[in-house]
PDB file of N, CA and C in Angstrom:
ATOM      1  N   MET A   1     -29.830-144.610-174.522  1.00  0.00           N
ATOM      2  CA  MET A   1     -28.941-145.302-173.612  1.00  0.00           C
ATOM      3  C   MET A   1     -28.328-144.276-172.654  1.00  0.00           C
ATOM      4  N   ASP A   2     -28.225-144.677-171.425  1.00  0.00           N
ATOM      5  CA  ASP A   2     -27.622-143.857-170.385  1.00  0.00           C
ATOM      6  C   ASP A   2     -26.548-144.703-169.732  1.00  0.00           C
ATOM      7  N   ASN A   3     -25.282-144.399-170.022  1.00  0.00           N
ATOM      8  CA  ASN A   3     -24.165-145.167-169.464  1.00  0.00           C
ATOM      9  C   ASN A   3     -24.349-146.669-169.681  1.00  0.00           C
ATOM     10  N   GLY A   4     -24.796-147.042-170.887  1.00  0.00           N
ATOM     11  CA  GLY A   4     -24.948-148.449-171.229  1.00  0.00           C
ATOM     12  C   GLY A   4     -26.281-149.064-170.871  1.00  0.00           C
ATOM     13  N   ARG A   5     -27.149-148.335-170.165  1.00  0.00           N
ATOM     14  CA  ARG A   5     -28.472-148.859-169.792  1.00  0.00           C
ATOM     15  C   ARG A   5     -29.514-148.336-170.772  1.00  0.00           C
ATOM     16  N   ARG A   6     -30.406-149.218-171.179  1.00  0.00           N
ATOM     17  CA  ARG A   6     -31.507-148.783-172.036  1.00  0.00           C
ATOM     18  C   ARG A   6     -32.520-148.033-171.172  1.00  0.00           C
ATOM     19  N   VAL A   7     -32.775-146.797-171.534  1.00  0.00           N
ATOM     20  CA  VAL A   7     -33.668-145.938-170.776  1.00  0.00           C
ATOM     21  C   VAL A   7     -35.094-146.028-171.304  1.00  0.00           C
ATOM     22  N   GLY A   8     -35.245-146.042-172.607  1.00  0.00           N
ATOM     23  CA  GLY A   8     -36.578-146.057-173.190  1.00  0.00           C
ATOM     24  C   GLY A   8     -36.514-146.182-174.685  1.00  0.00           C
ATOM     25  N   VAL A   9     -37.677-146.049-175.304  1.00  0.00           N
ATOM     26  CA  VAL A   9     -37.785-146.166-176.760  1.00  0.00           C
ATOM     27  C   VAL A   9     -38.463-144.918-177.304  1.00  0.00           C
ATOM     28  N   LEU A  10     -37.800-144.287-178.262  1.00  0.00           N
ATOM     29  CA  LEU A  10     -38.335-143.165-179.005  1.00  0.00           C
ATOM     30  C   LEU A  10     -38.726-143.686-180.374  1.00  0.00           C
ATOM     31  N   SER A  11     -39.933-143.389-180.806  1.00  0.00           N
ATOM     32  CA  SER A  11     -40.366-143.841-182.126  1.00  0.00           C
ATOM     33  C   SER A  11     -41.146-142.737-182.822  1.00  0.00           C
ATOM     34  N   ARG A  12     -41.348-142.937-184.121  1.00  0.00           N
ATOM     35  CA  ARG A  12     -42.117-141.989-184.914  1.00  0.00           C
ATOM     36  C   ARG A  12     -42.988-142.787-185.868  1.00  0.00           C
ATOM     37  N   ASP A  13     -44.242-142.398-185.972  1.00  0.00           N
ATOM     38  CA  ASP A  13     -45.102-142.966-186.999  1.00  0.00           C
ATOM     39  C   ASP A  13     -45.606-141.800-187.850  1.00  0.00           C
ATOM     40  N   GLU A  14     -46.537-142.053-188.737  1.00  0.00           N
ATOM     41  CA  GLU A  14     -46.996-140.987-189.633  1.00  0.00           C
ATOM     42  C   GLU A  14     -47.748-139.867-188.913  1.00  0.00           C
ATOM     43  N   ARG A  15     -48.139-140.088-187.679  1.00  0.00           N
ATOM     44  CA  ARG A  15     -48.913-139.083-186.934  1.00  0.00           C
ATOM     45  C   ARG A  15     -48.162-138.395-185.815  1.00  0.00           C
ATOM     46  N   ALA A  16     -47.226-139.092-185.164  1.00  0.00           N
ATOM     47  CA  ALA A  16     -46.650-138.517-183.941  1.00  0.00           C
ATOM     48  C   ALA A  16     -45.327-139.166-183.571  1.00  0.00           C
ATOM     49  N   TYR A  17     -44.637-138.471-182.666  1.00  0.00           N
ATOM     50  CA  TYR A  17     -43.453-139.015-182.005  1.00  0.00           C
ATOM     51  C   TYR A  17     -43.918-139.605-180.686  1.00  0.00           C
ATOM     52  N   ARG A  18     -43.267-140.678-180.258  1.00  0.00           N
ATOM     53  CA  ARG A  18     -43.638-141.335-179.006  1.00  0.00           C
ATOM     54  C   ARG A  18     -42.372-141.673-178.222  1.00  0.00           C
ATOM     55  N   PHE A  19     -42.448-141.488-176.909  1.00  0.00           N
ATOM     56  CA  PHE A  19     -41.355-141.906-176.029  1.00  0.00           C
ATOM     57  C   PHE A  19     -41.957-142.640-174.851  1.00  0.00           C
ATOM     58  N   ARG A  20     -41.357-143.762-174.516  1.00  0.00           N
ATOM     59  CA  ARG A  20     -41.794-144.549-173.361  1.00  0.00           C
ATOM     60  C   ARG A  20     -40.559-145.074-172.653  1.00  0.00           C
ATOM     61  N   TYR A  21     -40.519-144.882-171.331  1.00  0.00           N
ATOM     62  CA  TYR A  21     -39.427-145.425-170.528  1.00  0.00           C
ATOM     63  C   TYR A  21     -39.509-146.951-170.523  1.00  0.00           C
ATOM     64  N   ASP A  22     -38.364-147.574-170.527  1.00  0.00           N
ATOM     65  CA  ASP A  22     -38.266-149.029-170.451  1.00  0.00           C
ATOM     66  C   ASP A  22     -38.643-149.494-169.037  1.00  0.00           C
ATOM     67  N   ASP A  23     -39.420-150.571-168.944  1.00  0.00           N
ATOM     68  CA  ASP A  23     -39.849-151.078-167.634  1.00  0.00           C
ATOM     69  C   ASP A  23     -38.663-151.432-166.733  1.00  0.00           C
ATOM     70  N   ALA A  24     -37.614-152.001-167.311  1.00  0.00           N
ATOM     71  CA  ALA A  24     -36.432-152.358-166.511  1.00  0.00           C
ATOM     72  C   ALA A  24     -35.761-151.098-165.952  1.00  0.00           C
ATOM     73  N   TYR A  25     -35.738-150.033-166.735  1.00  0.00           N
ATOM     74  CA  TYR A  25     -35.163-148.778-166.255  1.00  0.00           C
ATOM     75  C   TYR A  25     -36.013-148.203-165.123  1.00  0.00           C
ATOM     76  N   LEU A  26     -37.330-148.245-165.300  1.00  0.00           N
ATOM     77  CA  LEU A  26     -38.220-147.746-164.249  1.00  0.00           C
ATOM     78  C   LEU A  26     -38.045-148.528-162.951  1.00  0.00           C
ATOM     79  N   ALA A  27     -37.782-149.826-163.066  1.00  0.00           N
ATOM     80  CA  ALA A  27     -37.602-150.675-161.876  1.00  0.00           C
ATOM     81  C   ALA A  27     -36.359-150.285-161.088  1.00  0.00           C
ATOM     82  N   THR A  28     -35.373-149.661-161.744  1.00  0.00           N
ATOM     83  CA  THR A  28     -34.151-149.239-161.054  1.00  0.00           C
ATOM     84  C   THR A  28     -34.303-147.866-160.406  1.00  0.00           C
ATOM     85  N   ALA A  29     -35.464-147.237-160.615  1.00  0.00           N
ATOM     86  CA  ALA A  29     -35.716-145.880-160.107  1.00  0.00           C
ATOM     87  C   ALA A  29     -34.689-144.894-160.639  1.00  0.00           C
ATOM     88  N   GLY A  30     -34.283-145.095-161.903  1.00  0.00           N
ATOM     89  CA  GLY A  30     -33.339-144.180-162.531  1.00  0.00           C
ATOM     90  C   GLY A  30     -33.938-142.795-162.698  1.00  0.00           C
ATOM     91  N   PRO A  31     -33.087-141.797-162.833  1.00  0.00           N
ATOM     92  CA  PRO A  31     -33.578-140.421-162.967  1.00  0.00           C
ATOM     93  C   PRO A  31     -34.214-140.198-164.337  1.00  0.00           C
ATOM     94  N   PRO A  32     -35.067-139.196-164.452  1.00  0.00           N
ATOM     95  CA  PRO A  32     -35.628-138.873-165.762  1.00  0.00           C
ATOM     96  C   PRO A  32     -34.532-138.345-166.687  1.00  0.00           C
ATOM     97  N   ILE A  33     -34.713-138.522-167.978  1.00  0.00           N
ATOM     98  CA  ILE A  33     -33.725-137.987-168.919  1.00  0.00           C
ATOM     99  C   ILE A  33     -33.869-136.479-169.056  1.00  0.00           C
ATOM    100  N   SER A  34     -35.033-135.973-168.663  1.00  0.00           N
ATOM    101  CA  SER A  34     -35.316-134.548-168.788  1.00  0.00           C
ATOM    102  C   SER A  34     -36.420-134.171-167.800  1.00  0.00           C
ATOM    103  N   LEU A  35     -36.420-132.927-167.350  1.00  0.00           N
ATOM    104  CA  LEU A  35     -37.511-132.462-166.492  1.00  0.00           C
ATOM    105  C   LEU A  35     -38.839-132.484-167.237  1.00  0.00           C
ATOM    106  N   SER A  36     -38.783-132.352-168.557  1.00  0.00           N
ATOM    107  CA  SER A  36     -40.008-132.366-169.354  1.00  0.00           C
ATOM    108  C   SER A  36     -40.497-133.784-169.650  1.00  0.00           C
ATOM    109  N   LEU A  37     -39.697-134.794-169.295  1.00  0.00           N
ATOM    110  CA  LEU A  37     -40.070-136.201-169.482  1.00  0.00           C
ATOM    111  C   LEU A  37     -39.851-136.962-168.172  1.00  0.00           C
ATOM    112  N   PRO A  38     -40.661-136.678-167.146  1.00  0.00           N
ATOM    113  CA  PRO A  38     -40.495-137.366-165.858  1.00  0.00           C
ATOM    114  C   PRO A  38     -40.649-138.881-166.013  1.00  0.00           C
ATOM    115  N   THR A  39     -39.961-139.616-165.175  1.00  0.00           N
ATOM    116  CA  THR A  39     -40.068-141.077-165.234  1.00  0.00           C
ATOM    117  C   THR A  39     -41.475-141.501-164.844  1.00  0.00           C
ATOM    118  N   THR A  40     -42.105-142.219-165.747  1.00  0.00           N
ATOM    119  CA  THR A  40     -43.461-142.711-165.557  1.00  0.00           C
ATOM    120  C   THR A  40     -43.712-143.829-166.563  1.00  0.00           C
ATOM    121  N   ARG A  41     -44.701-144.640-166.305  1.00  0.00           N
ATOM    122  CA  ARG A  41     -45.062-145.704-167.251  1.00  0.00           C
ATOM    123  C   ARG A  41     -45.865-145.170-168.429  1.00  0.00           C
ATOM    124  N   GLN A  42     -46.322-143.953-168.327  1.00  0.00           N
ATOM    125  CA  GLN A  42     -47.118-143.357-169.396  1.00  0.00           C
ATOM    126  C   GLN A  42     -46.271-143.186-170.656  1.00  0.00           C
ATOM    127  N   GLU A  43     -46.901-143.296-171.801  1.00  0.00           N
ATOM    128  CA  GLU A  43     -46.228-143.024-173.068  1.00  0.00           C
ATOM    129  C   GLU A  43     -46.419-141.552-173.392  1.00  0.00           C
ATOM    130  N   TYR A  44     -45.342-140.877-173.711  1.00  0.00           N
ATOM    131  CA  TYR A  44     -45.410-139.481-174.117  1.00  0.00           C
ATOM    132  C   TYR A  44     -45.634-139.430-175.624  1.00  0.00           C
ATOM    133  N   VAL A  45     -46.534-138.564-176.061  1.00  0.00           N
ATOM    134  CA  VAL A  45     -46.867-138.427-177.478  1.00  0.00           C
ATOM    135  C   VAL A  45     -46.794-136.951-177.848  1.00  0.00           C
ATOM    136  N   SER A  46     -46.195-136.663-179.012  1.00  0.00           N
ATOM    137  CA  SER A  46     -46.054-135.279-179.453  1.00  0.00           C
ATOM    138  C   SER A  46     -46.111-135.211-180.973  1.00  0.00           C
ATOM    139  N   ASN A  47     -46.611-134.096-181.487  1.00  0.00           N
ATOM    140  CA  ASN A  47     -46.593-133.866-182.938  1.00  0.00           C
ATOM    141  C   ASN A  47     -45.212-133.453-183.418  1.00  0.00           C
ATOM    142  N   TYR A  48     -44.350-133.069-182.502  1.00  0.00           N
ATOM    143  CA  TYR A  48     -42.998-132.614-182.821  1.00  0.00           C
ATOM    144  C   TYR A  48     -41.997-133.438-182.026  1.00  0.00           C
ATOM    145  N   LEU A  49     -40.764-133.520-182.529  1.00  0.00           N
ATOM    146  CA  LEU A  49     -39.714-134.204-181.784  1.00  0.00           C
ATOM    147  C   LEU A  49     -39.576-133.520-180.433  1.00  0.00           C
ATOM    148  N   PHE A  50     -39.566-134.297-179.378  1.00  0.00           N
ATOM    149  CA  PHE A  50     -39.487-133.747-178.030  1.00  0.00           C
ATOM    150  C   PHE A  50     -38.269-132.833-177.903  1.00  0.00           C
ATOM    151  N   PRO A  51     -38.422-131.668-177.242  1.00  0.00           N
ATOM    152  CA  PRO A  51     -37.309-130.724-177.132  1.00  0.00           C
ATOM    153  C   PRO A  51     -36.024-131.340-176.582  1.00  0.00           C
ATOM    154  N   PHE A  52     -36.143-132.273-175.646  1.00  0.00           N
ATOM    155  CA  PHE A  52     -34.931-132.914-175.112  1.00  0.00           C
ATOM    156  C   PHE A  52     -34.130-133.546-176.244  1.00  0.00           C
ATOM    157  N   PHE A  53     -34.794-134.268-177.125  1.00  0.00           N
ATOM    158  CA  PHE A  53     -34.100-134.949-178.220  1.00  0.00           C
ATOM    159  C   PHE A  53     -33.642-133.967-179.287  1.00  0.00           C
ATOM    160  N   SER A  54     -34.434-132.938-179.557  1.00  0.00           N
ATOM    161  CA  SER A  54     -34.003-131.899-180.506  1.00  0.00           C
ATOM    162  C   SER A  54     -32.724-131.226-180.007  1.00  0.00           C
ATOM    163  N   GLY A  55     -32.611-131.099-178.698  1.00  0.00           N
ATOM    164  CA  GLY A  55     -31.430-130.483-178.110  1.00  0.00           C
ATOM    165  C   GLY A  55     -30.156-131.288-178.294  1.00  0.00           C
ATOM    166  N   LEU A  56     -30.277-132.553-178.662  1.00  0.00           N
ATOM    167  CA  LEU A  56     -29.099-133.383-178.921  1.00  0.00           C
ATOM    168  C   LEU A  56     -28.542-133.172-180.337  1.00  0.00           C
ATOM    169  N   LEU A  57     -29.292-132.462-181.173  1.00  0.00           N
ATOM    170  CA  LEU A  57     -28.912-132.279-182.572  1.00  0.00           C
ATOM    171  C   LEU A  57     -27.989-131.079-182.755  1.00  0.00           C
ATOM    172  N   ALA A  58     -27.085-131.225-183.711  1.00  0.00           N
ATOM    173  CA  ALA A  58     -26.185-130.133-184.065  1.00  0.00           C
ATOM    174  C   ALA A  58     -26.965-129.034-184.768  1.00  0.00           C
ATOM    175  N   GLU A  59     -26.442-127.835-184.718  1.00  0.00           N
ATOM    176  CA  GLU A  59     -27.053-126.686-185.387  1.00  0.00           C
ATOM    177  C   GLU A  59     -26.027-126.015-186.289  1.00  0.00           C
ATOM    178  N   GLY A  60     -26.476-125.045-187.036  1.00  0.00           N
ATOM    179  CA  GLY A  60     -25.587-124.224-187.845  1.00  0.00           C
ATOM    180  C   GLY A  60     -24.832-125.016-188.902  1.00  0.00           C
ATOM    181  N   THR A  61     -23.543-124.746-188.991  1.00  0.00           N
ATOM    182  CA  THR A  61     -22.692-125.377-189.998  1.00  0.00           C
ATOM    183  C   THR A  61     -22.653-126.886-189.836  1.00  0.00           C
ATOM    184  N   ASN A  62     -22.589-127.367-188.602  1.00  0.00           N
ATOM    185  CA  ASN A  62     -22.553-128.817-188.378  1.00  0.00           C
ATOM    186  C   ASN A  62     -23.843-129.484-188.853  1.00  0.00           C
ATOM    187  N   LYS A  63     -24.976-128.832-188.619  1.00  0.00           N
ATOM    188  CA  LYS A  63     -26.265-129.358-189.097  1.00  0.00           C
ATOM    189  C   LYS A  63     -26.254-129.445-190.623  1.00  0.00           C
ATOM    190  N   SER A  64     -25.845-128.385-191.273  1.00  0.00           N
ATOM    191  CA  SER A  64     -25.795-128.356-192.740  1.00  0.00           C
ATOM    192  C   SER A  64     -24.886-129.451-193.280  1.00  0.00           C
ATOM    193  N   MET A  65     -23.755-129.638-192.640  1.00  0.00           N
ATOM    194  CA  MET A  65     -22.811-130.666-193.072  1.00  0.00           C
ATOM    195  C   MET A  65     -23.418-132.062-192.899  1.00  0.00           C
ATOM    196  N   GLN A  66     -24.083-132.311-191.772  1.00  0.00           N
ATOM    197  CA  GLN A  66     -24.718-133.616-191.538  1.00  0.00           C
ATOM    198  C   GLN A  66     -25.796-133.890-192.582  1.00  0.00           C
ATOM    199  N   ILE A  67     -26.624-132.911-192.858  1.00  0.00           N
ATOM    200  CA  ILE A  67     -27.693-133.083-193.841  1.00  0.00           C
ATOM    201  C   ILE A  67     -27.112-133.407-195.209  1.00  0.00           C
ATOM    202  N   ARG A  68     -26.067-132.701-195.579  1.00  0.00           N
ATOM    203  CA  ARG A  68     -25.438-132.915-196.884  1.00  0.00           C
ATOM    204  C   ARG A  68     -24.754-134.276-196.955  1.00  0.00           C
ATOM    205  N   LEU A  69     -23.953-134.612-195.959  1.00  0.00           N
ATOM    206  CA  LEU A  69     -23.196-135.864-195.989  1.00  0.00           C
ATOM    207  C   LEU A  69     -24.077-137.103-195.850  1.00  0.00           C
ATOM    208  N   LEU A  70     -25.164-136.984-195.085  1.00  0.00           N
ATOM    209  CA  LEU A  70     -26.048-138.126-194.858  1.00  0.00           C
ATOM    210  C   LEU A  70     -27.227-138.166-195.839  1.00  0.00           C
ATOM    211  N   HIS A  71     -27.284-137.160-196.737  1.00  0.00           N
ATOM    212  CA  HIS A  71     -28.341-137.086-197.759  1.00  0.00           C
ATOM    213  C   HIS A  71     -29.726-137.104-197.120  1.00  0.00           C
ATOM    214  N   LEU A  72     -29.941-136.197-196.167  1.00  0.00           N
ATOM    215  CA  LEU A  72     -31.199-136.130-195.426  1.00  0.00           C
ATOM    216  C   LEU A  72     -32.028-134.933-195.861  1.00  0.00           C
ATOM    217  N   GLU A  73     -33.321-135.015-195.607  1.00  0.00           N
ATOM    218  CA  GLU A  73     -34.212-133.874-195.810  1.00  0.00           C
ATOM    219  C   GLU A  73     -33.920-132.852-194.710  1.00  0.00           C
ATOM    220  N   GLU A  74     -34.036-131.584-195.039  1.00  0.00           N
ATOM    221  CA  GLU A  74     -33.745-130.499-194.089  1.00  0.00           C
ATOM    222  C   GLU A  74     -34.515-130.645-192.777  1.00  0.00           C
ATOM    223  N   GLY A  75     -35.796-130.979-192.822  1.00  0.00           N
ATOM    224  CA  GLY A  75     -36.615-131.030-191.611  1.00  0.00           C
ATOM    225  C   GLY A  75     -36.731-132.398-190.961  1.00  0.00           C
ATOM    226  N   ASP A  76     -35.965-133.377-191.420  1.00  0.00           N
ATOM    227  CA  ASP A  76     -36.074-134.741-190.876  1.00  0.00           C
ATOM    228  C   ASP A  76     -35.171-134.900-189.653  1.00  0.00           C
ATOM    229  N   GLU A  77     -35.615-134.319-188.544  1.00  0.00           N
ATOM    230  CA  GLU A  77     -34.821-134.370-187.312  1.00  0.00           C
ATOM    231  C   GLU A  77     -34.701-135.784-186.763  1.00  0.00           C
ATOM    232  N   PHE A  78     -35.746-136.589-186.926  1.00  0.00           N
ATOM    233  CA  PHE A  78     -35.734-137.945-186.365  1.00  0.00           C
ATOM    234  C   PHE A  78     -34.619-138.782-187.005  1.00  0.00           C
ATOM    235  N   THR A  79     -34.543-138.781-188.325  1.00  0.00           N
ATOM    236  CA  THR A  79     -33.501-139.556-188.999  1.00  0.00           C
ATOM    237  C   THR A  79     -32.124-139.016-188.660  1.00  0.00           C
ATOM    238  N   ARG A  80     -31.991-137.697-188.606  1.00  0.00           N
ATOM    239  CA  ARG A  80     -30.691-137.111-188.252  1.00  0.00           C
ATOM    240  C   ARG A  80     -30.305-137.501-186.833  1.00  0.00           C
ATOM    241  N   LEU A  81     -31.283-137.551-185.928  1.00  0.00           N
ATOM    242  CA  LEU A  81     -31.022-137.995-184.560  1.00  0.00           C
ATOM    243  C   LEU A  81     -30.506-139.431-184.556  1.00  0.00           C
ATOM    244  N   LEU A  82     -31.177-140.308-185.299  1.00  0.00           N
ATOM    245  CA  LEU A  82     -30.754-141.715-185.355  1.00  0.00           C
ATOM    246  C   LEU A  82     -29.361-141.870-185.962  1.00  0.00           C
ATOM    247  N   GLU A  83     -29.061-141.047-186.944  1.00  0.00           N
ATOM    248  CA  GLU A  83     -27.782-141.169-187.641  1.00  0.00           C
ATOM    249  C   GLU A  83     -26.609-140.543-186.903  1.00  0.00           C
ATOM    250  N   THR A  84     -26.876-139.608-186.010  1.00  0.00           N
ATOM    251  CA  THR A  84     -25.759-138.873-185.392  1.00  0.00           C
ATOM    252  C   THR A  84     -25.677-138.970-183.877  1.00  0.00           C
ATOM    253  N   ALA A  85     -26.760-139.304-183.199  1.00  0.00           N
ATOM    254  CA  ALA A  85     -26.770-139.181-181.735  1.00  0.00           C
ATOM    255  C   ALA A  85     -26.222-140.397-181.005  1.00  0.00           C
ATOM    256  N   GLU A  86     -25.688-141.360-181.710  1.00  0.00           N
ATOM    257  CA  GLU A  86     -25.058-142.484-181.017  1.00  0.00           C
ATOM    258  C   GLU A  86     -23.651-142.124-180.566  1.00  0.00           C
ATOM    259  N   SER A  87     -22.992-141.299-181.336  1.00  0.00           N
ATOM    260  CA  SER A  87     -21.597-141.021-181.007  1.00  0.00           C
ATOM    261  C   SER A  87     -21.284-139.534-180.883  1.00  0.00           C
ATOM    262  N   GLN A  88     -22.215-138.666-181.189  1.00  0.00           N
ATOM    263  CA  GLN A  88     -21.903-137.241-181.240  1.00  0.00           C
ATOM    264  C   GLN A  88     -22.775-136.419-180.307  1.00  0.00           C
ATOM    265  N   THR A  89     -23.040-136.905-179.102  1.00  0.00           N
ATOM    266  CA  THR A  89     -23.856-136.132-178.164  1.00  0.00           C
ATOM    267  C   THR A  89     -23.041-135.722-176.951  1.00  0.00           C
ATOM    268  N   ILE A  90     -23.555-134.727-176.278  1.00  0.00           N
ATOM    269  CA  ILE A  90     -22.949-134.274-175.030  1.00  0.00           C
ATOM    270  C   ILE A  90     -23.717-134.955-173.900  1.00  0.00           C
ATOM    271  N   GLY A  91     -23.007-135.483-172.930  1.00  0.00           N
ATOM    272  CA  GLY A  91     -23.667-136.110-171.790  1.00  0.00           C
ATOM    273  C   GLY A  91     -23.761-137.617-171.936  1.00  0.00           C
ATOM    274  N   ALA A  92     -24.562-138.208-171.062  1.00  0.00           N
ATOM    275  CA  ALA A  92     -24.613-139.666-170.966  1.00  0.00           C
ATOM    276  C   ALA A  92     -25.625-140.308-171.913  1.00  0.00           C
ATOM    277  N   ILE A  93     -26.507-139.542-172.529  1.00  0.00           N
ATOM    278  CA  ILE A  93     -27.553-140.111-173.379  1.00  0.00           C
ATOM    279  C   ILE A  93     -27.054-140.299-174.809  1.00  0.00           C
ATOM    280  N   THR A  94     -27.294-141.471-175.357  1.00  0.00           N
ATOM    281  CA  THR A  94     -27.073-141.730-176.774  1.00  0.00           C
ATOM    282  C   THR A  94     -28.352-142.305-177.348  1.00  0.00           C
ATOM    283  N   VAL A  95     -28.486-142.212-178.649  1.00  0.00           N
ATOM    284  CA  VAL A  95     -29.663-142.738-179.328  1.00  0.00           C
ATOM    285  C   VAL A  95     -29.192-143.790-180.314  1.00  0.00           C
ATOM    286  N   ARG A  96     -29.794-144.971-180.232  1.00  0.00           N
ATOM    287  CA  ARG A  96     -29.416-146.076-181.112  1.00  0.00           C
ATOM    288  C   ARG A  96     -30.652-146.666-181.759  1.00  0.00           C
ATOM    289  N   LYS A  97     -30.481-147.140-182.987  1.00  0.00           N
ATOM    290  CA  LYS A  97     -31.555-147.833-183.665  1.00  0.00           C
ATOM    291  C   LYS A  97     -31.773-149.189-182.991  1.00  0.00           C
ATOM    292  N   LEU A  98     -33.038-149.582-182.880  1.00  0.00           N
ATOM    293  CA  LEU A  98     -33.335-150.916-182.362  1.00  0.00           C
ATOM    294  C   LEU A  98     -32.976-151.939-183.423  1.00  0.00           C
ATOM    295  N   PRO A  99     -32.473-153.102-183.010  1.00  0.00           N
ATOM    296  CA  PRO A  99     -32.172-154.138-184.003  1.00  0.00           C
ATOM    297  C   PRO A  99     -33.458-154.573-184.702  1.00  0.00           C
ATOM    298  N   ASP A 100     -33.327-154.899-185.963  1.00  0.00           N
ATOM    299  CA  ASP A 100     -34.498-155.360-186.734  1.00  0.00           C
ATOM    300  C   ASP A 100     -34.960-156.727-186.288  1.00  0.00           C
TER     301      ASP A 100
END
């Protein structure tokens, strides 16, 4: 989310991470969330969490505290992103779980 607007969908399956901009966001000609993720209809696919999203995660003592309090695996950046990036990020981007 960018200032209340849905920008795109980040997902993970057993093989890869995927990011795709939302068609409604693309129609507004909104800016890219990152220089490494230019606005396009193409789906981005990576074996690793995209650096832009990794950059939203806490490090050091805060990372250790989040892992301990949320009972997460050390390397599970995706779940930690979902659990913490809705309210604890710098800037206009937040990450929210899609409703079931």
